[in-house]
mmCIF file of all heavy atoms, coordinates in Angstrom:
data_MODEL
# 
_entry.id   MODEL 
# 
loop_
_atom_site.group_PDB 
_atom_site.id 
_atom_site.type_symbol 
_atom_site.label_atom_id 
_atom_site.label_alt_id 
_atom_site.label_comp_id 
_atom_site.label_asym_id 
_atom_site.label_entity_id 
_atom_site.label_seq_id 
_atom_site.pdbx_PDB_ins_code 
_atom_site.Cartn_x 
_atom_site.Cartn_y 
_atom_site.Cartn_z 
_atom_site.occupancy 
_atom_site.B_iso_or_equiv 
_atom_site.pdbx_formal_charge 
_atom_site.auth_seq_id 
_atom_site.auth_comp_id 
_atom_site.auth_asym_id 
_atom_site.auth_atom_id 
_atom_site.pdbx_PDB_model_num 
ATOM 1   N N   . HIS A 1 1  ? -12.564 -85.037  28.909 1.00 0.00 ? 1  HIS A N   1 
ATOM 2   C CA  . HIS A 1 1  ? -11.816 -85.386  30.092 1.00 0.00 ? 1  HIS A CA  1 
ATOM 3   C C   . HIS A 1 1  ? -12.429 -84.693  31.270 1.00 0.00 ? 1  HIS A C   1 
ATOM 4   O O   . HIS A 1 1  ? -12.976 -83.593  31.184 1.00 0.00 ? 1  HIS A O   1 
ATOM 5   C CB  . HIS A 1 1  ? -10.352 -84.941  29.971 1.00 0.00 ? 1  HIS A CB  1 
ATOM 6   C CG  . HIS A 1 1  ? -9.513  -85.965  29.298 1.00 0.00 ? 1  HIS A CG  1 
ATOM 7   N ND1 . HIS A 1 1  ? -8.872  -86.955  29.981 1.00 0.00 ? 1  HIS A ND1 1 
ATOM 8   C CD2 . HIS A 1 1  ? -9.250  -86.187  27.991 1.00 0.00 ? 1  HIS A CD2 1 
ATOM 9   C CE1 . HIS A 1 1  ? -8.212  -87.705  29.152 1.00 0.00 ? 1  HIS A CE1 1 
ATOM 10  N NE2 . HIS A 1 1  ? -8.437  -87.247  27.920 1.00 0.00 ? 1  HIS A NE2 1 
ATOM 11  N N   . ALA A 1 2  ? -12.311 -85.327  32.414 1.00 0.00 ? 2  ALA A N   1 
ATOM 12  C CA  . ALA A 1 2  ? -12.694 -84.655  33.663 1.00 0.00 ? 2  ALA A CA  1 
ATOM 13  C C   . ALA A 1 2  ? -11.594 -83.683  34.022 1.00 0.00 ? 2  ALA A C   1 
ATOM 14  O O   . ALA A 1 2  ? -10.534 -83.621  33.389 1.00 0.00 ? 2  ALA A O   1 
ATOM 15  C CB  . ALA A 1 2  ? -12.866 -85.686  34.767 1.00 0.00 ? 2  ALA A CB  1 
ATOM 16  N N   . SER A 1 3  ? -11.802 -82.942  35.136 1.00 0.00 ? 3  SER A N   1 
ATOM 17  C CA  . SER A 1 3  ? -10.852 -81.938  35.530 1.00 0.00 ? 3  SER A CA  1 
ATOM 18  C C   . SER A 1 3  ? -9.519  -82.537  35.930 1.00 0.00 ? 3  SER A C   1 
ATOM 19  O O   . SER A 1 3  ? -8.501  -81.871  35.928 1.00 0.00 ? 3  SER A O   1 
ATOM 20  C CB  . SER A 1 3  ? -11.421 -81.113  36.713 1.00 0.00 ? 3  SER A CB  1 
ATOM 21  O OG  . SER A 1 3  ? -11.720 -82.005  37.796 1.00 0.00 ? 3  SER A OG  1 
ATOM 22  N N   . ASP A 1 4  ? -9.501  -83.804  36.317 1.00 0.00 ? 4  ASP A N   1 
ATOM 23  C CA  . ASP A 1 4  ? -8.238  -84.451  36.704 1.00 0.00 ? 4  ASP A CA  1 
ATOM 24  C C   . ASP A 1 4  ? -7.473  -84.999  35.543 1.00 0.00 ? 4  ASP A C   1 
ATOM 25  O O   . ASP A 1 4  ? -6.426  -85.622  35.727 1.00 0.00 ? 4  ASP A O   1 
ATOM 26  C CB  . ASP A 1 4  ? -8.488  -85.557  37.724 1.00 0.00 ? 4  ASP A CB  1 
ATOM 27  C CG  . ASP A 1 4  ? -9.361  -86.668  37.168 1.00 0.00 ? 4  ASP A CG  1 
ATOM 28  O OD1 . ASP A 1 4  ? -9.860  -86.479  36.057 1.00 0.00 ? 4  ASP A OD1 1 
ATOM 29  O OD2 . ASP A 1 4  ? -9.491  -87.691  37.824 1.00 0.00 ? 4  ASP A OD2 1 
ATOM 30  N N   . GLY A 1 5  ? -7.964  -84.854  34.310 1.00 0.00 ? 5  GLY A N   1 
ATOM 31  C CA  . GLY A 1 5  ? -7.235  -85.223  33.127 1.00 0.00 ? 5  GLY A CA  1 
ATOM 32  C C   . GLY A 1 5  ? -7.500  -86.616  32.675 1.00 0.00 ? 5  GLY A C   1 
ATOM 33  O O   . GLY A 1 5  ? -6.997  -87.051  31.626 1.00 0.00 ? 5  GLY A O   1 
ATOM 34  N N   . ARG A 1 6  ? -8.282  -87.423  33.386 1.00 0.00 ? 6  ARG A N   1 
ATOM 35  C CA  . ARG A 1 6  ? -8.583  -88.778  32.935 1.00 0.00 ? 6  ARG A CA  1 
ATOM 36  C C   . ARG A 1 6  ? -9.776  -88.776  32.051 1.00 0.00 ? 6  ARG A C   1 
ATOM 37  O O   . ARG A 1 6  ? -10.681 -87.966  32.146 1.00 0.00 ? 6  ARG A O   1 
ATOM 38  C CB  . ARG A 1 6  ? -8.819  -89.677  34.173 1.00 0.00 ? 6  ARG A CB  1 
ATOM 39  C CG  . ARG A 1 6  ? -7.607  -89.868  35.002 1.00 0.00 ? 6  ARG A CG  1 
ATOM 40  C CD  . ARG A 1 6  ? -7.843  -90.945  36.033 1.00 0.00 ? 6  ARG A CD  1 
ATOM 41  N NE  . ARG A 1 6  ? -8.092  -92.249  35.392 1.00 0.00 ? 6  ARG A NE  1 
ATOM 42  C CZ  . ARG A 1 6  ? -7.142  -93.026  34.996 1.00 0.00 ? 6  ARG A CZ  1 
ATOM 43  N NH1 . ARG A 1 6  ? -5.901  -92.699  35.163 1.00 0.00 ? 6  ARG A NH1 1 
ATOM 44  N NH2 . ARG A 1 6  ? -7.446  -94.210  34.446 1.00 0.00 ? 6  ARG A NH2 1 
ATOM 45  N N   . LEU A 1 7  ? -9.788  -89.722  31.137 1.00 0.00 ? 7  LEU A N   1 
ATOM 46  C CA  . LEU A 1 7  ? -10.866 -89.796  30.110 1.00 0.00 ? 7  LEU A CA  1 
ATOM 47  C C   . LEU A 1 7  ? -12.174 -90.219  30.775 1.00 0.00 ? 7  LEU A C   1 
ATOM 48  O O   . LEU A 1 7  ? -12.239 -91.206  31.465 1.00 0.00 ? 7  LEU A O   1 
ATOM 49  C CB  . LEU A 1 7  ? -10.440 -90.802  29.051 1.00 0.00 ? 7  LEU A CB  1 
ATOM 50  C CG  . LEU A 1 7  ? -11.349 -90.889  27.839 1.00 0.00 ? 7  LEU A CG  1 
ATOM 51  C CD1 . LEU A 1 7  ? -11.336 -89.560  27.077 1.00 0.00 ? 7  LEU A CD1 1 
ATOM 52  C CD2 . LEU A 1 7  ? -10.941 -92.025  26.962 1.00 0.00 ? 7  LEU A CD2 1 
ATOM 53  N N   . GLN A 1 8  ? -13.200 -89.405  30.575 1.00 0.00 ? 8  GLN A N   1 
ATOM 54  C CA  . GLN A 1 8  ? -14.537 -89.721  31.072 1.00 0.00 ? 8  GLN A CA  1 
ATOM 55  C C   . GLN A 1 8  ? -15.277 -90.534  30.019 1.00 0.00 ? 8  GLN A C   1 
ATOM 56  O O   . GLN A 1 8  ? -15.034 -90.473  28.828 1.00 0.00 ? 8  GLN A O   1 
ATOM 57  C CB  . GLN A 1 8  ? -15.310 -88.439  31.384 1.00 0.00 ? 8  GLN A CB  1 
ATOM 58  C CG  . GLN A 1 8  ? -14.711 -87.609  32.513 1.00 0.00 ? 8  GLN A CG  1 
ATOM 59  C CD  . GLN A 1 8  ? -14.976 -88.256  33.857 1.00 0.00 ? 8  GLN A CD  1 
ATOM 60  O OE1 . GLN A 1 8  ? -15.880 -89.107  33.947 1.00 0.00 ? 8  GLN A OE1 1 
ATOM 61  N NE2 . GLN A 1 8  ? -14.197 -87.913  34.859 1.00 0.00 ? 8  GLN A NE2 1 
ATOM 62  N N   . SER A 1 9  ? -16.257 -91.330  30.500 1.00 0.00 ? 9  SER A N   1 
ATOM 63  C CA  . SER A 1 9  ? -17.119 -92.067  29.588 1.00 0.00 ? 9  SER A CA  1 
ATOM 64  C C   . SER A 1 9  ? -18.034 -91.151  28.827 1.00 0.00 ? 9  SER A C   1 
ATOM 65  O O   . SER A 1 9  ? -18.517 -90.142  29.346 1.00 0.00 ? 9  SER A O   1 
ATOM 66  C CB  . SER A 1 9  ? -17.925 -93.106  30.368 1.00 0.00 ? 9  SER A CB  1 
ATOM 67  O OG  . SER A 1 9  ? -17.057 -93.990  31.043 1.00 0.00 ? 9  SER A OG  1 
ATOM 68  N N   . ALA A 1 10 ? -18.356 -91.489  27.576 1.00 0.00 ? 10 ALA A N   1 
ATOM 69  C CA  . ALA A 1 10 ? -19.239 -90.684  26.769 1.00 0.00 ? 10 ALA A CA  1 
ATOM 70  C C   . ALA A 1 10 ? -20.659 -90.820  27.291 1.00 0.00 ? 10 ALA A C   1 
ATOM 71  O O   . ALA A 1 10 ? -21.046 -91.819  27.859 1.00 0.00 ? 10 ALA A O   1 
ATOM 72  C CB  . ALA A 1 10 ? -19.174 -91.070  25.333 1.00 0.00 ? 10 ALA A CB  1 
ATOM 73  N N   . ALA A 1 11 ? -21.458 -89.758  27.101 1.00 0.00 ? 11 ALA A N   1 
ATOM 74  C CA  . ALA A 1 11 ? -22.836 -89.819  27.447 1.00 0.00 ? 11 ALA A CA  1 
ATOM 75  C C   . ALA A 1 11 ? -23.539 -90.891  26.598 1.00 0.00 ? 11 ALA A C   1 
ATOM 76  O O   . ALA A 1 11 ? -23.443 -90.848  25.371 1.00 0.00 ? 11 ALA A O   1 
ATOM 77  C CB  . ALA A 1 11 ? -23.510 -88.466  27.243 1.00 0.00 ? 11 ALA A CB  1 
ATOM 78  N N   . PRO A 1 12 ? -24.184 -91.848  27.215 1.00 0.00 ? 12 PRO A N   1 
ATOM 79  C CA  . PRO A 1 12 ? -24.745 -92.948  26.420 1.00 0.00 ? 12 PRO A CA  1 
ATOM 80  C C   . PRO A 1 12 ? -25.979 -92.512  25.668 1.00 0.00 ? 12 PRO A C   1 
ATOM 81  O O   . PRO A 1 12 ? -26.801 -91.789  26.123 1.00 0.00 ? 12 PRO A O   1 
ATOM 82  C CB  . PRO A 1 12 ? -25.090 -93.990  27.477 1.00 0.00 ? 12 PRO A CB  1 
ATOM 83  C CG  . PRO A 1 12 ? -25.347 -93.213  28.698 1.00 0.00 ? 12 PRO A CG  1 
ATOM 84  C CD  . PRO A 1 12 ? -24.461 -92.019  28.639 1.00 0.00 ? 12 PRO A CD  1 
ATOM 85  N N   . GLY A 1 13 ? -26.090 -93.040  24.440 1.00 0.00 ? 13 GLY A N   1 
ATOM 86  C CA  . GLY A 1 13 ? -27.328 -92.890  23.693 1.00 0.00 ? 13 GLY A CA  1 
ATOM 87  C C   . GLY A 1 13 ? -28.249 -94.014  24.041 1.00 0.00 ? 13 GLY A C   1 
ATOM 88  O O   . GLY A 1 13 ? -28.075 -94.801  24.922 1.00 0.00 ? 13 GLY A O   1 
ATOM 89  N N   . ALA A 1 14 ? -29.295 -94.162  23.274 1.00 0.00 ? 14 ALA A N   1 
ATOM 90  C CA  . ALA A 1 14 ? -30.246 -95.244  23.534 1.00 0.00 ? 14 ALA A CA  1 
ATOM 91  C C   . ALA A 1 14 ? -29.648 -96.549  23.026 1.00 0.00 ? 14 ALA A C   1 
ATOM 92  O O   . ALA A 1 14 ? -29.202 -96.651  21.896 1.00 0.00 ? 14 ALA A O   1 
ATOM 93  C CB  . ALA A 1 14 ? -31.545 -94.984  22.808 1.00 0.00 ? 14 ALA A CB  1 
ATOM 94  N N   . ALA A 1 15 ? -29.559 -97.532  23.897 1.00 0.00 ? 15 ALA A N   1 
ATOM 95  C CA  . ALA A 1 15 ? -29.027 -98.849  23.530 1.00 0.00 ? 15 ALA A CA  1 
ATOM 96  C C   . ALA A 1 15 ? -30.106 -99.687  22.919 1.00 0.00 ? 15 ALA A C   1 
ATOM 97  O O   . ALA A 1 15 ? -31.292 -99.394  22.985 1.00 0.00 ? 15 ALA A O   1 
ATOM 98  C CB  . ALA A 1 15 ? -28.393 -99.518  24.724 1.00 0.00 ? 15 ALA A CB  1 
ATOM 99  N N   . GLN A 1 16 ? -29.658 -100.789 22.311 1.00 0.00 ? 16 GLN A N   1 
ATOM 100 C CA  . GLN A 1 16 ? -30.627 -101.720 21.782 1.00 0.00 ? 16 GLN A CA  1 
ATOM 101 C C   . GLN A 1 16 ? -31.404 -102.306 22.958 1.00 0.00 ? 16 GLN A C   1 
ATOM 102 O O   . GLN A 1 16 ? -30.910 -102.672 23.988 1.00 0.00 ? 16 GLN A O   1 
ATOM 103 C CB  . GLN A 1 16 ? -29.900 -102.849 21.041 1.00 0.00 ? 16 GLN A CB  1 
ATOM 104 C CG  . GLN A 1 16 ? -29.194 -102.362 19.808 1.00 0.00 ? 16 GLN A CG  1 
ATOM 105 C CD  . GLN A 1 16 ? -28.509 -103.498 19.069 1.00 0.00 ? 16 GLN A CD  1 
ATOM 106 O OE1 . GLN A 1 16 ? -28.589 -104.626 19.534 1.00 0.00 ? 16 GLN A OE1 1 
ATOM 107 N NE2 . GLN A 1 16 ? -27.926 -103.184 17.962 1.00 0.00 ? 16 GLN A NE2 1 
ATOM 108 N N   . GLY A 1 17 ? -32.729 -102.346 22.749 1.00 0.00 ? 17 GLY A N   1 
ATOM 109 C CA  . GLY A 1 17 ? -33.599 -102.929 23.769 1.00 0.00 ? 17 GLY A CA  1 
ATOM 110 C C   . GLY A 1 17 ? -34.121 -101.865 24.735 1.00 0.00 ? 17 GLY A C   1 
ATOM 111 O O   . GLY A 1 17 ? -34.864 -102.209 25.632 1.00 0.00 ? 17 GLY A O   1 
ATOM 112 N N   . GLU A 1 18 ? -33.741 -100.598 24.571 1.00 0.00 ? 18 GLU A N   1 
ATOM 113 C CA  . GLU A 1 18 ? -34.280 -99.570  25.486 1.00 0.00 ? 18 GLU A CA  1 
ATOM 114 C C   . GLU A 1 18 ? -35.713 -99.274  25.113 1.00 0.00 ? 18 GLU A C   1 
ATOM 115 O O   . GLU A 1 18 ? -36.138 -99.333  23.924 1.00 0.00 ? 18 GLU A O   1 
ATOM 116 C CB  . GLU A 1 18 ? -33.507 -98.271  25.351 1.00 0.00 ? 18 GLU A CB  1 
ATOM 117 C CG  . GLU A 1 18 ? -32.148 -98.319  26.063 1.00 0.00 ? 18 GLU A CG  1 
ATOM 118 C CD  . GLU A 1 18 ? -31.499 -96.960  26.032 1.00 0.00 ? 18 GLU A CD  1 
ATOM 119 O OE1 . GLU A 1 18 ? -31.805 -96.187  25.092 1.00 0.00 ? 18 GLU A OE1 1 
ATOM 120 O OE2 . GLU A 1 18 ? -30.749 -96.606  26.952 1.00 0.00 ? 18 GLU A OE2 1 
ATOM 121 N N   . ARG A 1 19 ? -36.489 -98.961  26.100 1.00 0.00 ? 19 ARG A N   1 
ATOM 122 C CA  . ARG A 1 19 ? -37.858 -98.588  25.863 1.00 0.00 ? 19 ARG A CA  1 
ATOM 123 C C   . ARG A 1 19 ? -37.935 -97.175  25.326 1.00 0.00 ? 19 ARG A C   1 
ATOM 124 O O   . ARG A 1 19 ? -37.275 -96.279  25.862 1.00 0.00 ? 19 ARG A O   1 
ATOM 125 C CB  . ARG A 1 19 ? -38.671 -98.706  27.146 1.00 0.00 ? 19 ARG A CB  1 
ATOM 126 C CG  . ARG A 1 19 ? -38.839 -100.155 27.646 1.00 0.00 ? 19 ARG A CG  1 
ATOM 127 C CD  . ARG A 1 19 ? -39.588 -100.166 28.942 1.00 0.00 ? 19 ARG A CD  1 
ATOM 128 N NE  . ARG A 1 19 ? -38.763 -99.479  29.984 1.00 0.00 ? 19 ARG A NE  1 
ATOM 129 C CZ  . ARG A 1 19 ? -39.221 -99.304  31.219 1.00 0.00 ? 19 ARG A CZ  1 
ATOM 130 N NH1 . ARG A 1 19 ? -40.447 -99.663  31.560 1.00 0.00 ? 19 ARG A NH1 1 
ATOM 131 N NH2 . ARG A 1 19 ? -38.436 -98.711  32.097 1.00 0.00 ? 19 ARG A NH2 1 
ATOM 132 N N   . PRO A 1 20 ? -38.787 -96.871  24.315 1.00 0.00 ? 20 PRO A N   1 
ATOM 133 C CA  . PRO A 1 20 ? -38.849 -95.510  23.796 1.00 0.00 ? 20 PRO A CA  1 
ATOM 134 C C   . PRO A 1 20 ? -39.496 -94.611  24.810 1.00 0.00 ? 20 PRO A C   1 
ATOM 135 O O   . PRO A 1 20 ? -40.364 -94.966  25.603 1.00 0.00 ? 20 PRO A O   1 
ATOM 136 C CB  . PRO A 1 20 ? -39.758 -95.696  22.553 1.00 0.00 ? 20 PRO A CB  1 
ATOM 137 C CG  . PRO A 1 20 ? -40.578 -96.901  22.817 1.00 0.00 ? 20 PRO A CG  1 
ATOM 138 C CD  . PRO A 1 20 ? -39.691 -97.828  23.612 1.00 0.00 ? 20 PRO A CD  1 
ATOM 139 N N   . ALA A 1 21 ? -38.992 -93.356  24.819 1.00 0.00 ? 21 ALA A N   1 
ATOM 140 C CA  . ALA A 1 21 ? -39.551 -92.352  25.747 1.00 0.00 ? 21 ALA A CA  1 
ATOM 141 C C   . ALA A 1 21 ? -40.909 -91.903  25.252 1.00 0.00 ? 21 ALA A C   1 
ATOM 142 O O   . ALA A 1 21 ? -41.173 -91.878  24.045 1.00 0.00 ? 21 ALA A O   1 
ATOM 143 C CB  . ALA A 1 21 ? -38.566 -91.158  25.830 1.00 0.00 ? 21 ALA A CB  1 
ATOM 144 N N   . PRO A 1 22 ? -41.806 -91.561  26.168 1.00 0.00 ? 22 PRO A N   1 
ATOM 145 C CA  . PRO A 1 22 ? -43.102 -91.043  25.724 1.00 0.00 ? 22 PRO A CA  1 
ATOM 146 C C   . PRO A 1 22 ? -42.947 -89.727  24.963 1.00 0.00 ? 22 PRO A C   1 
ATOM 147 O O   . PRO A 1 22 ? -41.981 -89.026  25.103 1.00 0.00 ? 22 PRO A O   1 
ATOM 148 C CB  . PRO A 1 22 ? -43.838 -90.846  27.066 1.00 0.00 ? 22 PRO A CB  1 
ATOM 149 C CG  . PRO A 1 22 ? -42.776 -90.794  28.099 1.00 0.00 ? 22 PRO A CG  1 
ATOM 150 C CD  . PRO A 1 22 ? -41.702 -91.640  27.598 1.00 0.00 ? 22 PRO A CD  1 
ATOM 151 N N   . ALA A 1 23 ? -43.974 -89.474  24.161 1.00 0.00 ? 23 ALA A N   1 
ATOM 152 C CA  . ALA A 1 23 ? -43.939 -88.280  23.288 1.00 0.00 ? 23 ALA A CA  1 
ATOM 153 C C   . ALA A 1 23 ? -43.847 -86.993  24.134 1.00 0.00 ? 23 ALA A C   1 
ATOM 154 O O   . ALA A 1 23 ? -43.256 -86.021  23.728 1.00 0.00 ? 23 ALA A O   1 
ATOM 155 C CB  . ALA A 1 23 ? -45.162 -88.207  22.394 1.00 0.00 ? 23 ALA A CB  1 
ATOM 156 N N   . ALA A 1 24 ? -44.454 -87.008  25.328 1.00 0.00 ? 24 ALA A N   1 
ATOM 157 C CA  . ALA A 1 24 ? -44.413 -85.808  26.151 1.00 0.00 ? 24 ALA A CA  1 
ATOM 158 C C   . ALA A 1 24 ? -43.003 -85.468  26.541 1.00 0.00 ? 24 ALA A C   1 
ATOM 159 O O   . ALA A 1 24 ? -42.696 -84.331  26.839 1.00 0.00 ? 24 ALA A O   1 
ATOM 160 C CB  . ALA A 1 24 ? -45.283 -86.042  27.368 1.00 0.00 ? 24 ALA A CB  1 
ATOM 161 N N   . ALA A 1 25 ? -42.115 -86.507  26.630 1.00 0.00 ? 25 ALA A N   1 
ATOM 162 C CA  . ALA A 1 25 ? -40.752 -86.219  27.042 1.00 0.00 ? 25 ALA A CA  1 
ATOM 163 C C   . ALA A 1 25 ? -40.043 -85.345  26.029 1.00 0.00 ? 25 ALA A C   1 
ATOM 164 O O   . ALA A 1 25 ? -39.340 -84.415  26.378 1.00 0.00 ? 25 ALA A O   1 
ATOM 165 C CB  . ALA A 1 25 ? -40.003 -87.547  27.219 1.00 0.00 ? 25 ALA A CB  1 
ATOM 166 N N   . ALA A 1 26 ? -40.169 -85.660  24.734 1.00 0.00 ? 26 ALA A N   1 
ATOM 167 C CA  . ALA A 1 26 ? -39.525 -84.853  23.701 1.00 0.00 ? 26 ALA A CA  1 
ATOM 168 C C   . ALA A 1 26 ? -40.081 -83.451  23.713 1.00 0.00 ? 26 ALA A C   1 
ATOM 169 O O   . ALA A 1 26 ? -39.339 -82.464  23.609 1.00 0.00 ? 26 ALA A O   1 
ATOM 170 C CB  . ALA A 1 26 ? -39.754 -85.502  22.344 1.00 0.00 ? 26 ALA A CB  1 
ATOM 171 N N   . GLY A 1 27 ? -41.391 -83.295  23.878 1.00 0.00 ? 27 GLY A N   1 
ATOM 172 C CA  . GLY A 1 27 ? -41.954 -81.960  23.944 1.00 0.00 ? 27 GLY A CA  1 
ATOM 173 C C   . GLY A 1 27 ? -41.470 -81.191  25.111 1.00 0.00 ? 27 GLY A C   1 
ATOM 174 O O   . GLY A 1 27 ? -41.228 -79.983  25.043 1.00 0.00 ? 27 GLY A O   1 
ATOM 175 N N   . LYS A 1 28 ? -41.310 -81.881  26.242 1.00 0.00 ? 28 LYS A N   1 
ATOM 176 C CA  . LYS A 1 28 ? -40.790 -81.231  27.438 1.00 0.00 ? 28 LYS A CA  1 
ATOM 177 C C   . LYS A 1 28 ? -39.384 -80.733  27.216 1.00 0.00 ? 28 LYS A C   1 
ATOM 178 O O   . LYS A 1 28 ? -38.994 -79.642  27.635 1.00 0.00 ? 28 LYS A O   1 
ATOM 179 C CB  . LYS A 1 28 ? -40.845 -82.243  28.578 1.00 0.00 ? 28 LYS A CB  1 
ATOM 180 C CG  . LYS A 1 28 ? -40.356 -81.653  29.893 1.00 0.00 ? 28 LYS A CG  1 
ATOM 181 C CD  . LYS A 1 28 ? -41.338 -80.672  30.478 1.00 0.00 ? 28 LYS A CD  1 
ATOM 182 C CE  . LYS A 1 28 ? -40.926 -80.220  31.903 1.00 0.00 ? 28 LYS A CE  1 
ATOM 183 N NZ  . LYS A 1 28 ? -41.855 -79.269  32.462 1.00 0.00 ? 28 LYS A NZ  1 
ATOM 184 N N   . ALA A 1 29 ? -38.529 -81.610  26.561 1.00 0.00 ? 29 ALA A N   1 
ATOM 185 C CA  . ALA A 1 29 ? -37.132 -81.236  26.351 1.00 0.00 ? 29 ALA A CA  1 
ATOM 186 C C   . ALA A 1 29 ? -37.024 -80.035  25.432 1.00 0.00 ? 29 ALA A C   1 
ATOM 187 O O   . ALA A 1 29 ? -36.183 -79.226  25.559 1.00 0.00 ? 29 ALA A O   1 
ATOM 188 C CB  . ALA A 1 29 ? -36.362 -82.418  25.790 1.00 0.00 ? 29 ALA A CB  1 
# 
Protein backbone atom coordinates (compact mmCIF):
# COMPACT_ATOMS: atom_id res chain seq x y z
CA HIS A 1 0.00 0.00 0.00
CA ALA A 2 1.02 3.56 -0.46
CA SER A 3 1.15 5.90 2.52
CA ASP A 4 -2.49 6.90 1.95
CA GLY A 5 -3.64 3.29 2.46
CA ARG A 6 -4.72 2.57 -1.12
CA LEU A 7 -3.42 -0.50 -2.87
CA GLN A 8 -0.50 0.21 -5.18
CA SER A 9 0.18 -1.74 -8.36
CA ALA A 10 2.82 -4.45 -8.13
CA ALA A 11 6.18 -3.89 -9.75
CA PRO A 12 5.83 -5.46 -13.20
CA GLY A 13 8.01 -8.29 -14.30
CA ALA A 14 8.89 -8.97 -17.89
CA ALA A 15 5.76 -9.39 -19.97
CA GLN A 16 5.35 -11.58 -22.96
CA GLY A 17 6.92 -9.96 -25.97
CA GLU A 18 9.44 -7.86 -24.01
CA ARG A 19 12.87 -7.58 -25.45
CA PRO A 20 15.59 -9.27 -23.36
CA ALA A 21 17.97 -6.96 -21.55
CA PRO A 22 21.61 -7.02 -22.65
CA ALA A 23 24.02 -9.10 -20.64
CA ALA A 24 25.79 -5.99 -19.41
CA ALA A 25 22.60 -4.93 -17.66
CA ALA A 26 22.57 -7.98 -15.37
CA GLY A 27 26.25 -7.52 -14.58
CA LYS A 28 25.65 -3.89 -13.82
CA ALA A 29 22.78 -4.72 -11.46
